[in-house]
C-alpha atoms as a PDB file:
ATOM      1  CA  MET A   1     -54.392   8.857 -55.847  1.00  0.00           C
ATOM      2  CA  GLY A   2     -53.509  10.160 -59.373  1.00  0.00           C
ATOM      3  CA  THR A   3     -50.623   9.872 -61.630  1.00  0.00           C
ATOM      4  CA  LYS A   4     -47.111  11.224 -60.565  1.00  0.00           C
ATOM      5  CA  VAL A   5     -45.140  13.124 -63.048  1.00  0.00           C
ATOM      6  CA  VAL A   6     -41.452  13.740 -62.429  1.00  0.00           C
ATOM      7  CA  ILE A   7     -41.082  17.745 -64.095  1.00  0.00           C
ATOM      8  CA  ASN A   8     -38.392  20.196 -64.368  1.00  0.00           C
ATOM      9  CA  THR A   9     -39.525  23.773 -63.252  1.00  0.00           C
ATOM     10  CA  ARG A  10     -36.337  25.362 -63.582  1.00  0.00           C
ATOM     11  CA  TYR A  11     -36.170  28.465 -66.379  1.00  0.00           C
ATOM     12  CA  GLN A  12     -33.367  28.144 -68.272  1.00  0.00           C
ATOM     13  CA  GLY A  13     -32.767  24.306 -67.369  1.00  0.00           C
ATOM     14  CA  SER A  14     -33.430  21.027 -68.899  1.00  0.00           C
ATOM     15  CA  PHE A  15     -34.262  17.702 -67.122  1.00  0.00           C
ATOM     16  CA  GLU A  16     -31.329  15.734 -65.415  1.00  0.00           C
ATOM     17  CA  LEU A  17     -30.422  13.893 -62.405  1.00  0.00           C
ATOM     18  CA  SER A  18     -27.840  14.339 -60.231  1.00  0.00           C
ATOM     19  CA  THR A  19     -24.988  11.479 -60.318  1.00  0.00           C
ATOM     20  CA  ASN A  20     -26.347   9.810 -56.995  1.00  0.00           C
ATOM     21  CA  ALA A  21     -30.055   9.882 -58.422  1.00  0.00           C
ATOM     22  CA  LEU A  22     -28.619   8.375 -61.621  1.00  0.00           C
ATOM     23  CA  ALA A  23     -26.875   5.614 -59.247  1.00  0.00           C
ATOM     24  CA  LEU A  24     -29.908   4.887 -57.381  1.00  0.00           C
ATOM     25  CA  TYR A  25     -32.327   4.836 -60.255  1.00  0.00           C
ATOM     26  CA  ALA A  26     -29.321   2.247 -62.087  1.00  0.00           C
ATOM     27  CA  GLN A  27     -29.686   0.430 -58.738  1.00  0.00           C
ATOM     28  CA  ARG A  28     -33.385   0.301 -58.714  1.00  0.00           C
ATOM     29  CA  LYS A  29     -33.115  -1.442 -62.235  1.00  0.00           C
ATOM     30  CA  GLY A  30     -30.945  -4.095 -61.338  1.00  0.00           C
ATOM     31  CA  GLY A  31     -27.977  -2.336 -62.848  1.00  0.00           C
ATOM     32  CA  VAL A  32     -24.856  -0.229 -62.219  1.00  0.00           C
ATOM     33  CA  LEU A  33     -24.199   3.396 -63.447  1.00  0.00           C
ATOM     34  CA  ARG A  34     -21.403   4.025 -65.920  1.00  0.00           C
ATOM     35  CA  SER A  35     -19.541   6.644 -66.585  1.00  0.00           C
ATOM     36  CA  ARG A  36     -20.241   9.721 -64.837  1.00  0.00           C
ATOM     37  CA  ARG A  37     -20.195  11.779 -67.912  1.00  0.00           C
ATOM     38  CA  ASN A  38     -22.032   9.832 -70.440  1.00  0.00           C
ATOM     39  CA  HIS A  39     -24.470   8.339 -67.858  1.00  0.00           C
ATOM     40  CA  TYR A  40     -25.157   4.747 -68.950  1.00  0.00           C
ATOM     41  CA  ILE A  41     -26.433   1.883 -67.181  1.00  0.00           C
ATOM     42  CA  GLU A  42     -25.068  -1.699 -67.551  1.00  0.00           C
ATOM     43  CA  PHE A  43     -26.803  -5.010 -66.829  1.00  0.00           C
ATOM     44  CA  PRO A  44     -24.665  -7.734 -65.514  1.00  0.00           C
ATOM     45  CA  ASP A  45     -26.027  -9.613 -68.813  1.00  0.00           C
ATOM     46  CA  GLY A  46     -23.974  -7.075 -70.381  1.00  0.00           C
ATOM     47  CA  ARG A  47     -26.746  -5.145 -71.696  1.00  0.00           C
ATOM     48  CA  VAL A  48     -26.545  -1.130 -71.592  1.00  0.00           C
ATOM     49  CA  PHE A  49     -28.996   1.193 -70.952  1.00  0.00           C
ATOM     50  CA  ALA A  50     -28.860   5.148 -71.821  1.00  0.00           C
ATOM     51  CA  PRO A  51     -31.738   6.070 -69.836  1.00  0.00           C
ATOM     52  CA  ASN A  52     -33.525   9.389 -71.444  1.00  0.00           C
ATOM     53  CA  PHE A  53     -36.300   9.601 -69.048  1.00  0.00           C
ATOM     54  CA  ASP A  54     -39.343   9.968 -71.585  1.00  0.00           C
ATOM     55  CA  ASP A  55     -41.593   8.214 -69.270  1.00  0.00           C
ATOM     56  CA  ARG A  56     -41.783  10.420 -66.446  1.00  0.00           C
ATOM     57  CA  THR A  57     -44.319   8.735 -64.789  1.00  0.00           C
ATOM     58  CA  ASP A  58     -41.718   5.655 -64.262  1.00  0.00           C
ATOM     59  CA  ALA A  59     -41.991   4.281 -60.762  1.00  0.00           C
ATOM     60  CA  ASP A  60     -38.139   4.098 -60.614  1.00  0.00           C
ATOM     61  CA  LEU A  61     -37.863   7.596 -61.542  1.00  0.00           C
ATOM     62  CA  ILE A  62     -40.608   8.628 -58.834  1.00  0.00           C
ATOM     63  CA  ALA A  63     -39.413   6.534 -56.206  1.00  0.00           C
ATOM     64  CA  VAL A  64     -36.099   8.132 -56.695  1.00  0.00           C
ATOM     65  CA  VAL A  65     -36.587  11.328 -56.570  1.00  0.00           C
ATOM     66  CA  GLU A  66     -38.875  11.061 -53.439  1.00  0.00           C
ATOM     67  CA  GLU A  67     -36.444   8.845 -51.303  1.00  0.00           C
ATOM     68  CA  LEU A  68     -33.376  11.855 -52.353  1.00  0.00           C
ATOM     69  CA  GLY A  69     -35.673  14.796 -52.343  1.00  0.00           C
ATOM     70  CA  THR A  70     -36.199  17.185 -55.378  1.00  0.00           C
ATOM     71  CA  ASP A  71     -33.089  19.232 -54.565  1.00  0.00           C
ATOM     72  CA  ALA A  72     -30.870  16.245 -54.156  1.00  0.00           C
ATOM     73  CA  ALA A  73     -32.225  14.578 -57.248  1.00  0.00           C
ATOM     74  CA  SER A  74     -31.970  17.520 -59.278  1.00  0.00           C
ATOM     75  CA  GLY A  75     -29.288  18.070 -61.832  1.00  0.00           C
ATOM     76  CA  GLU A  76     -26.985  21.184 -62.422  1.00  0.00           C
ATOM     77  CA  PHE A  77     -29.426  22.680 -64.535  1.00  0.00           C
ATOM     78  CA  CYS A  78     -32.589  21.173 -63.371  1.00  0.00           C
ATOM     79  CA  GLN A  79     -35.274  21.751 -60.358  1.00  0.00           C
ATOM     80  CA  LEU A  80     -37.438  18.690 -60.097  1.00  0.00           C
ATOM     81  CA  GLU A  81     -40.920  18.242 -58.768  1.00  0.00           C
ATOM     82  CA  ILE A  82     -43.555  15.797 -58.548  1.00  0.00           C
ATOM     83  CA  VAL A  83     -46.834  16.636 -59.493  1.00  0.00           C
ATOM     84  CA  THR A  84     -49.736  14.612 -58.681  1.00  0.00           C
ATOM     85  CA  LEU A  85     -52.955  14.504 -61.726  1.00  0.00           C
ATOM     86  CA  PRO A  86     -56.523  13.772 -60.293  1.00  0.00           C
ATOM     87  CA  ASP A  87     -57.659   9.891 -60.784  1.00  0.00           C
ATOM     88  CA  ASP A  88     -59.861  12.232 -63.485  1.00  0.00           C
ATOM     89  CA  VAL A  89     -57.612  13.283 -65.479  1.00  0.00           C
ATOM     90  CA  THR A  90     -56.379  10.258 -68.284  1.00  0.00           C
ATOM     91  CA  GLN A  91     -54.858  12.814 -71.307  1.00  0.00           C
ATOM     92  CA  TRP A  92     -52.175  14.969 -70.279  1.00  0.00           C
ATOM     93  CA  PHE A  93     -48.744  16.114 -71.791  1.00  0.00           C
ATOM     94  CA  ILE A  94     -45.845  17.727 -70.982  1.00  0.00           C
ATOM     95  CA  SER A  95     -45.093  21.651 -72.288  1.00  0.00           C
ATOM     96  CA  GLU A  96     -41.749  22.764 -72.345  1.00  0.00           C
ATOM     97  CA  GLY A  97     -40.262  26.456 -72.462  1.00  0.00           C
ATOM     98  CA  ASP A  98     -36.923  27.719 -71.944  1.00  0.00           C
ATOM     99  CA  GLY A  99     -36.624  24.467 -69.870  1.00  0.00           C
ATOM    100  CA  ASP A 100     -39.453  24.786 -67.604  1.00  0.00           C
ATOM    101  CA  GLU A 101     -42.287  22.207 -67.624  1.00  0.00           C
ATOM    102  CA  THR A 102     -45.938  22.682 -66.905  1.00  0.00           C
ATOM    103  CA  VAL A 103     -48.381  19.727 -67.245  1.00  0.00           C
ATOM    104  CA  TYR A 104     -51.727  20.346 -69.342  1.00  0.00           C
ATOM    105  CA  GLU A 105     -54.576  18.070 -69.280  1.00  0.00           C
ATOM    106  CA  GLY A 106     -54.777  17.018 -72.816  1.00  0.00           C
ATOM    107  CA  TRP A 107     -57.957  17.010 -73.971  1.00  0.00           C
ATOM    108  CA  ARG A 108     -59.391  20.052 -72.448  1.00  0.00           C
ATOM    109  CA  GLY A 109     -56.061  21.984 -73.057  1.00  0.00           C
ATOM    110  CA  ARG A 110     -55.983  23.969 -69.886  1.00  0.00           C
ATOM    111  CA  GLU A 111     -53.292  23.993 -67.226  1.00  0.00           C
ATOM    112  CA  PHE A 112     -53.249  22.358 -63.724  1.00  0.00           C
ATOM    113  CA  TYR A 113     -49.835  22.235 -62.758  1.00  0.00           C
ATOM    114  CA  GLY A 114     -46.318  23.723 -62.763  1.00  0.00           C
ATOM    115  CA  LYS A 115     -44.346  25.514 -60.624  1.00  0.00           C
ATOM    116  CA  THR A 116     -46.856  27.970 -59.044  1.00  0.00           C
ATOM    117  CA  VAL A 117     -49.275  25.044 -58.042  1.00  0.00           C
ATOM    118  CA  GLN A 118     -49.139  24.225 -54.354  1.00  0.00           C
ATOM    119  CA  LYS A 119     -48.320  20.663 -53.940  1.00  0.00           C
END
């Protein structure tokens, strides 16, 4: 099974998790979601972490989206989708246009995945 990647497929949206998804993500990371507005995670040892989701392959992020479903995990201006890359795709990147994200294979520059691809 290939690499899973979480993307936003909403035009004029932005990548964000719902509050429930953020709370579950915080729990999976061993912390607690604090401040529903600023969205930061506090850990028992006092560390604070503001998730920016640069790593769209984060196992906890993927687990949260799979557990809640894409609709419930998506923030207000977002529609999350999980795309699975074939095993032979090792270089890839996310391209964003007006919020809508697509995954491209890096070295060939070909589009492989987006909201029109059947999953």
